[in-house]
Amino acid sequence: MKNLNIALRSLFKKGRSNGIKILSLGVGLAMGLVLIAKVCFELSYDDFYPDSECIYQIRENVSIGERVMDDLDYVSGGIAPGMKLEIPGVVAATRGFSLGNSVFFMPDKNKYKADFLLVDECFFDVLPQKVLSGDAKQILSRPLYVLVSKSLAERIGEGKDVTGMSFELASYPGRVITIGGVFEDVPENSHLKYDVLLSLCSFKEVMGWSNENGWWGGDSYHGYVKVQPGADQEALEAEMAKMLERHVPSAKLKEMGMTYRLSLKPLKEVYATSSAVKGMAVMLSLIAFAILFAALMNYILLMVSSLVVRSKEVAIHKCYGASGKNISGMIFSETFVNLFASVLLSALLILALREMVEELLKASLGALFTWQTILLLVGVCLLVFLFAGLFPSYLFSRVPVAVAFRSYTESRRLWKKGLLFVQFVAVGFLVTLLAIIGLQYQRMVTDDPGYSYDRVIYASLSGVESSAVRMVMDELEKLPEVEAVAASDDLPVWGGAGNMIYRDGSDEIALHIRDLRYMDADYIPLMGIKVIEGKAFDRSYSDSARIVMISRATAEKLVLVHGWKDGVIGKKLRISEHSDPNDPNGFEVIGVYDEVRAGAIDSYLMPPTVWFYSSKPGHVVSMKLHGNVTVENMKLIENTIQKLLPDKDISVNSYEASIINMYSASRLFRNSVMLGGLVTFLITLVGLIGYIADETTRRRKEIAIRKVNGATVANIMEIISKDILYMAVPAVLLGVMSSYWMGENWLQQFSEKIPLSVFIFAGSALAIWLVVLVMVVARTWSIANEDPVKSLKSE
């Protein structure tokens, strides 16, 4: 207690640099602890379910020729209930079909958005949530009935009971859906997000078709099973293989060049063990470690720098009987006070920047800082306290008693330079990693996808009759702001759907393709897609025309498969979902376009794609503007559509913004690294400034004597700069080189990536050295220009 009182009284004592110590350590703790909390959050997904170790997600593993697609998280609708009926050890099973984030209208015309999931009546048997009102099983057994989350119920009801209220989905008008009950909100660390659970028996009434009981194809369901405690996963998967043999014609699949099997994945591994999450967790952990380590080294550096000033005080304590243990206790008490103040500062920073933190990490503070995470963070703070007190206490306890009677000349330069060296390693690592991530992100958002989206905007008119869509298009073409209008069923940025082209004359699969659905005759010219063979769709074709355009990759692979010598133009293709395998007519290829990217740059290269023709407009209306896309002209077009379709909720979107949003996870990760690198660099610069101040003070008379003997300002600057650069250059190089391995691993998730050129690493190192040199010059300029007489007066 006595030591704590001394530490508190000396908190604002001159020469201690406590303000700088608390500020740099507090900022480092704020950033480091938040990143650690984010890693804990990412690795805790789905651990809130009771008996979560007994819950598995059903995974699909398919190969089509040489194309292998393992561990897919979608299966056919009949798989989950089939396992419950046929496999011993399966206690419960369920499946869900996502409608995504959908707009719906209440009877008073108020509109809301929510994540919809169609599920069967066994959903809460496998993935339980607290039901606040209603009988979940009964509600999910009734067509056109839903359960809604507590937060959505509060938004809709505004304090009233929502049970019995009804609404209509904007995309499926005319289907009146009734709210039957309310459930507790799903925690943020759930891989399955939903606000509304719609009964699966509503599927046909809502969608107009149904495939929820199929064993093969229609693999668009999330399937889950709950098994008996202690059940063996391998034994269950063996039973699943036998079940498939009974329901899926495996021999026929082999004839088609396909294999198909099912597997199980523990629920807690569905999200946390994905390659993207594991890679992000490793990188964020390293960044957090680098920030905390830099902050810790900086604190120790500032403590060591004060040793010369405080040595006489320590020696006097020893004259009055203080032992080395007593001195260590004083230093640890001071460290505790500083650390406590730093933790308070970090908490205040996190709360003050709450919105930015939650946006950057895509999680609320409540979800990030659970009691388990807080315990871990307390442990981290205890380690920081231990190391922050251990090294300074060792040095201070070794101060000799004789210092009380004479000057203390030991500078501890090696300690200081060693601590700064470690900080520069961390800076080199983070700055270079930021350069790699930033350049890759820029590569993704500026990538040439094979079409031009400059000045292109679009609106989704789901649930609108084709005649009404045509009316909207006609009105939009009259606007002076609009250059061209076209319609399609899909957009390349959305990725399309998976389908297959059959071999000529058989039901064997020739090629797996990305189906971009239907477009009208104006879509190709609007998007600037280059036709390299044949011709594009035009208005001379009727809606009954069975024609298709294919990409260069599709054409090249079909030529190889079929051995066509005269190319693909005029050939008939039978494509799954659009034609029966035994249909002799198929779709005629009329043109080949250059490669178009479907979806994002991921681990796959540009897949082969196809486009179908329809003279009837699809529900996605694309517009090319005469001028740049602005908020004003987007609002004008949105209002125009809204007037024509007053009962619909229509939003107009920028295509460029959709491209950027597609890489939002990479952007947020880049921002996290950028912030971490900035914090680490600033902390290191604080330490550098302290080191320069100590060195110039210690060598003040030496500098004065050199000037008297003819040294110029440039000579003095060179002496001090060399001393620091001899330490900074190898440290930064070491950090830059260590970032290569991490950057290389991170880039593996992309099919198209930047080359790790030597210029990236050289540029990063030079930038850091330049900043260091500027800082050294700025801090030593005054002492180098000082009158030497002033420094020598006290000699």
Foldseek 3Di string as FASTA:
>chain_A
DVLLVVLVVCCVPPLLCLVLLLVLLLLLLLLLLLLLLLLVLQLCFPVPFVVLQQKWWKFKWKDAAPRTDGRHQFAFQAQFVLCVVQPPFFPAKKKKFWPAWFWKAFPVRDIDTWTEIAMALCVCVRGNFAWPDADSSVQLHDAQEKEFEPVVQCVVVVPDGQAQTWIGTQQQPPRIHGYHTYTHADDPSYPDHGGMYGRNVNVCVRVVDDRNNDRDPPRRMTMMTGGDPPDDQVVSQVSQVVSCVVHPVQVVQVVLRMHMGMGIDRRSCSRCVDLQNVLLSVVSNLLSCLSNLLSLLLLLLSLLLSCQVCLLVLLVVVVVPDALVNLLVSLLSSLVVSLVSSNVSSVVVCVVCQVVSCLLSVHHPPSSPDPVSVVVSVVVSVVSSCSSSPVSSVVSNPRHSCCNPDGDQDRPVVSLLVSLLSLLLSLLQLLLLLLQLVVFLVCFLPPDQQWAQFQKKKKFNRNDDLVLVVVLLVVVVPDQFFDHKWFFQADLQQQADWKFWADQPARHTQFIFGEREEIEQRPCVVGVWAWDDADGHDPVDAQPAQAKEWEPVVFVSNCVRRVDPVTQAQPFIAMPPVHDSPDNHHHGYRTYTYQGARHGFWLDDRGIYMYTYGNRGHRMMMTRTPDGDDPVVQVVSLVSSCVSVVSHDMHMGRPSVSSSVSCVVSVSSSVSSVVSSVSSLVSSLVSLLSVLVSVCVSCLLVLLVVVVVPDALVNVLVVQLVVSCVSSLVSSLSSLVVNVVSSVSSCNGGNDRDDPDPCSSVVSSVVSSVVSSVSSCVSCVDSSPDNSCVVPVVD
